Amino acid sequence: MYKVEAIIRDEKLQCVKQGLNEAGFSALTVTEVRGRGQQKGSVIQWLGGYYYSDLMGKLKLEVVVNREEDVQKVIDLVCNNAYTGEVGDGKIFVYPLNEVVRIRTREKGETAV
């Protein structure tokens, strides 16, 4: 089992969700996050002053898959649907999962996903 974690622009969430859902990957978790990469932040003018924000708002999307071959499918779907071509499109991280437990039934492994 694997967890595919993607940091994406918030305006691309609907496209990514739709692409994943159409391919059969409907279970996911989305979290609002803040961070920085190559963008390094921005200057905002507000109420006559300038403010520097070095942490950009993004979304973290997490998808757990049972098979190794599904990892590349999820990566391709996220890349295709989150792409703008601009700095700040995001990153994808892949982690192996040692164990998954469904709290309600205590099922373990692939059946818990």
Protein backbone atom coordinates (compact mmCIF):
# COMPACT_ATOMS: atom_id res chain seq x y z
CA MET A 1 0.00 0.00 0.00
CA TYR A 2 1.11 3.55 -0.74
CA LYS A 3 0.11 7.08 0.16
CA VAL A 4 0.39 9.66 -2.60
CA GLU A 5 0.53 13.15 -1.11
CA ALA A 6 0.24 16.16 -3.42
CA ILE A 7 0.61 19.85 -2.61
CA ILE A 8 -1.47 21.75 -5.17
CA ARG A 9 -2.98 25.17 -5.86
CA ASP A 10 -6.41 25.55 -4.28
CA GLU A 11 -8.01 26.61 -7.56
CA LYS A 12 -7.03 23.26 -9.14
CA LEU A 13 -8.74 21.07 -6.52
CA GLN A 14 -11.99 20.53 -8.44
CA CYS A 15 -10.14 19.46 -11.60
CA VAL A 16 -7.92 17.07 -9.66
CA LYS A 17 -10.85 15.60 -7.70
CA GLN A 18 -12.86 15.08 -10.87
CA GLY A 19 -9.95 13.38 -12.66
CA LEU A 20 -9.26 11.08 -9.72
CA ASN A 21 -12.94 10.23 -9.28
CA GLU A 22 -13.42 9.40 -12.96
CA ALA A 23 -10.44 7.02 -12.75
CA GLY A 24 -11.88 5.25 -9.71
CA PHE A 25 -9.86 6.95 -6.98
CA SER A 26 -12.71 8.54 -5.05
CA ALA A 27 -11.34 8.31 -1.50
CA LEU A 28 -9.09 11.21 -0.55
CA THR A 29 -8.24 13.66 2.20
CA VAL A 30 -7.73 17.39 1.62
CA THR A 31 -6.06 19.72 4.11
CA GLU A 32 -5.37 23.46 3.88
CA VAL A 33 -1.63 24.06 4.33
CA ARG A 34 0.84 26.93 4.09
CA GLY A 35 4.41 26.71 2.86
CA ARG A 36 6.97 27.98 0.45
CA GLY A 37 9.11 26.67 -2.35
CA GLN A 38 10.54 28.43 -5.38
CA GLN A 39 7.85 31.14 -5.17
CA LYS A 40 9.40 32.47 -1.93
CA GLY A 41 6.28 34.49 -1.10
CA SER A 42 4.76 37.74 -2.30
CA VAL A 43 4.28 41.39 -1.37
CA ILE A 44 0.71 42.47 -0.64
CA GLN A 45 -0.52 46.06 -0.50
CA TRP A 46 -3.26 46.57 2.06
CA LEU A 47 -4.57 49.69 3.79
CA GLY A 48 -1.75 51.86 2.50
CA GLY A 49 1.02 49.51 3.60
CA TYR A 50 3.06 46.76 2.07
CA TYR A 51 3.23 43.36 3.71
CA TYR A 52 5.50 40.47 2.85
CA SER A 53 4.05 36.98 3.08
CA ASP A 54 6.58 34.18 2.67
CA LEU A 55 4.11 31.33 3.21
CA MET A 56 1.70 30.62 0.38
CA GLY A 57 -1.66 28.93 0.91
CA LYS A 58 -1.93 25.52 -0.77
CA LEU A 59 -3.92 22.32 -0.42
CA LYS A 60 -2.50 18.95 0.56
CA LEU A 61 -4.30 16.09 -1.10
CA GLU A 62 -3.74 12.53 0.17
CA VAL A 63 -4.73 9.37 -1.71
CA VAL A 64 -4.04 5.83 -0.50
CA VAL A 65 -3.75 3.07 -3.10
CA ASN A 66 -3.33 -0.68 -2.70
CA ARG A 67 -1.16 -1.45 -5.73
CA GLU A 68 2.17 -0.05 -6.88
CA GLU A 69 0.85 0.36 -10.44
CA ASP A 70 -1.89 2.69 -9.14
CA VAL A 71 0.75 5.07 -7.76
CA GLN A 72 1.81 6.17 -11.26
CA LYS A 73 -1.83 6.51 -12.34
CA VAL A 74 -2.55 8.87 -9.44
CA ILE A 75 0.66 10.83 -10.11
CA ASP A 76 -0.27 11.25 -13.78
CA LEU A 77 -3.83 12.30 -12.94
CA VAL A 78 -2.66 14.90 -10.42
CA CYS A 79 0.03 16.25 -12.76
CA ASN A 80 -2.37 16.50 -15.70
CA ASN A 81 -5.14 18.18 -13.71
CA ALA A 82 -3.09 20.46 -11.43
CA TYR A 83 -0.75 21.79 -14.13
CA THR A 84 -0.68 25.52 -14.95
CA GLY A 85 2.91 25.77 -16.15
CA GLU A 86 3.71 28.44 -13.57
CA VAL A 87 5.99 28.29 -10.55
CA GLY A 88 3.95 27.05 -7.60
CA ASP A 89 2.08 24.18 -9.28
CA GLY A 90 3.13 21.97 -6.37
CA LYS A 91 4.88 18.73 -5.51
CA ILE A 92 3.98 15.06 -5.13
CA PHE A 93 5.40 12.75 -2.47
CA VAL A 94 4.95 8.97 -2.32
CA TYR A 95 5.19 6.97 0.91
CA PRO A 96 4.95 3.23 1.51
CA LEU A 97 2.36 2.32 4.15
CA ASN A 98 3.13 -0.44 6.58
CA GLU A 99 -0.36 -0.74 7.99
CA VAL A 100 -3.86 0.67 7.64
CA VAL A 101 -6.62 0.05 10.19
CA ARG A 102 -10.29 0.96 9.75
CA ILE A 103 -11.37 2.24 13.16
CA ARG A 104 -15.02 1.16 12.93
CA THR A 105 -14.40 -2.50 12.09
CA ARG A 106 -10.71 -2.90 12.95
CA GLU A 107 -10.12 -4.34 9.48
CA LYS A 108 -6.45 -4.19 8.50
CA GLY A 109 -4.48 -3.92 5.30
CA GLU A 110 -5.96 -3.60 1.84
CA THR A 111 -9.55 -4.23 2.99
CA ALA A 112 -9.29 -1.21 5.31
CA VAL A 113 -8.51 1.10 2.40
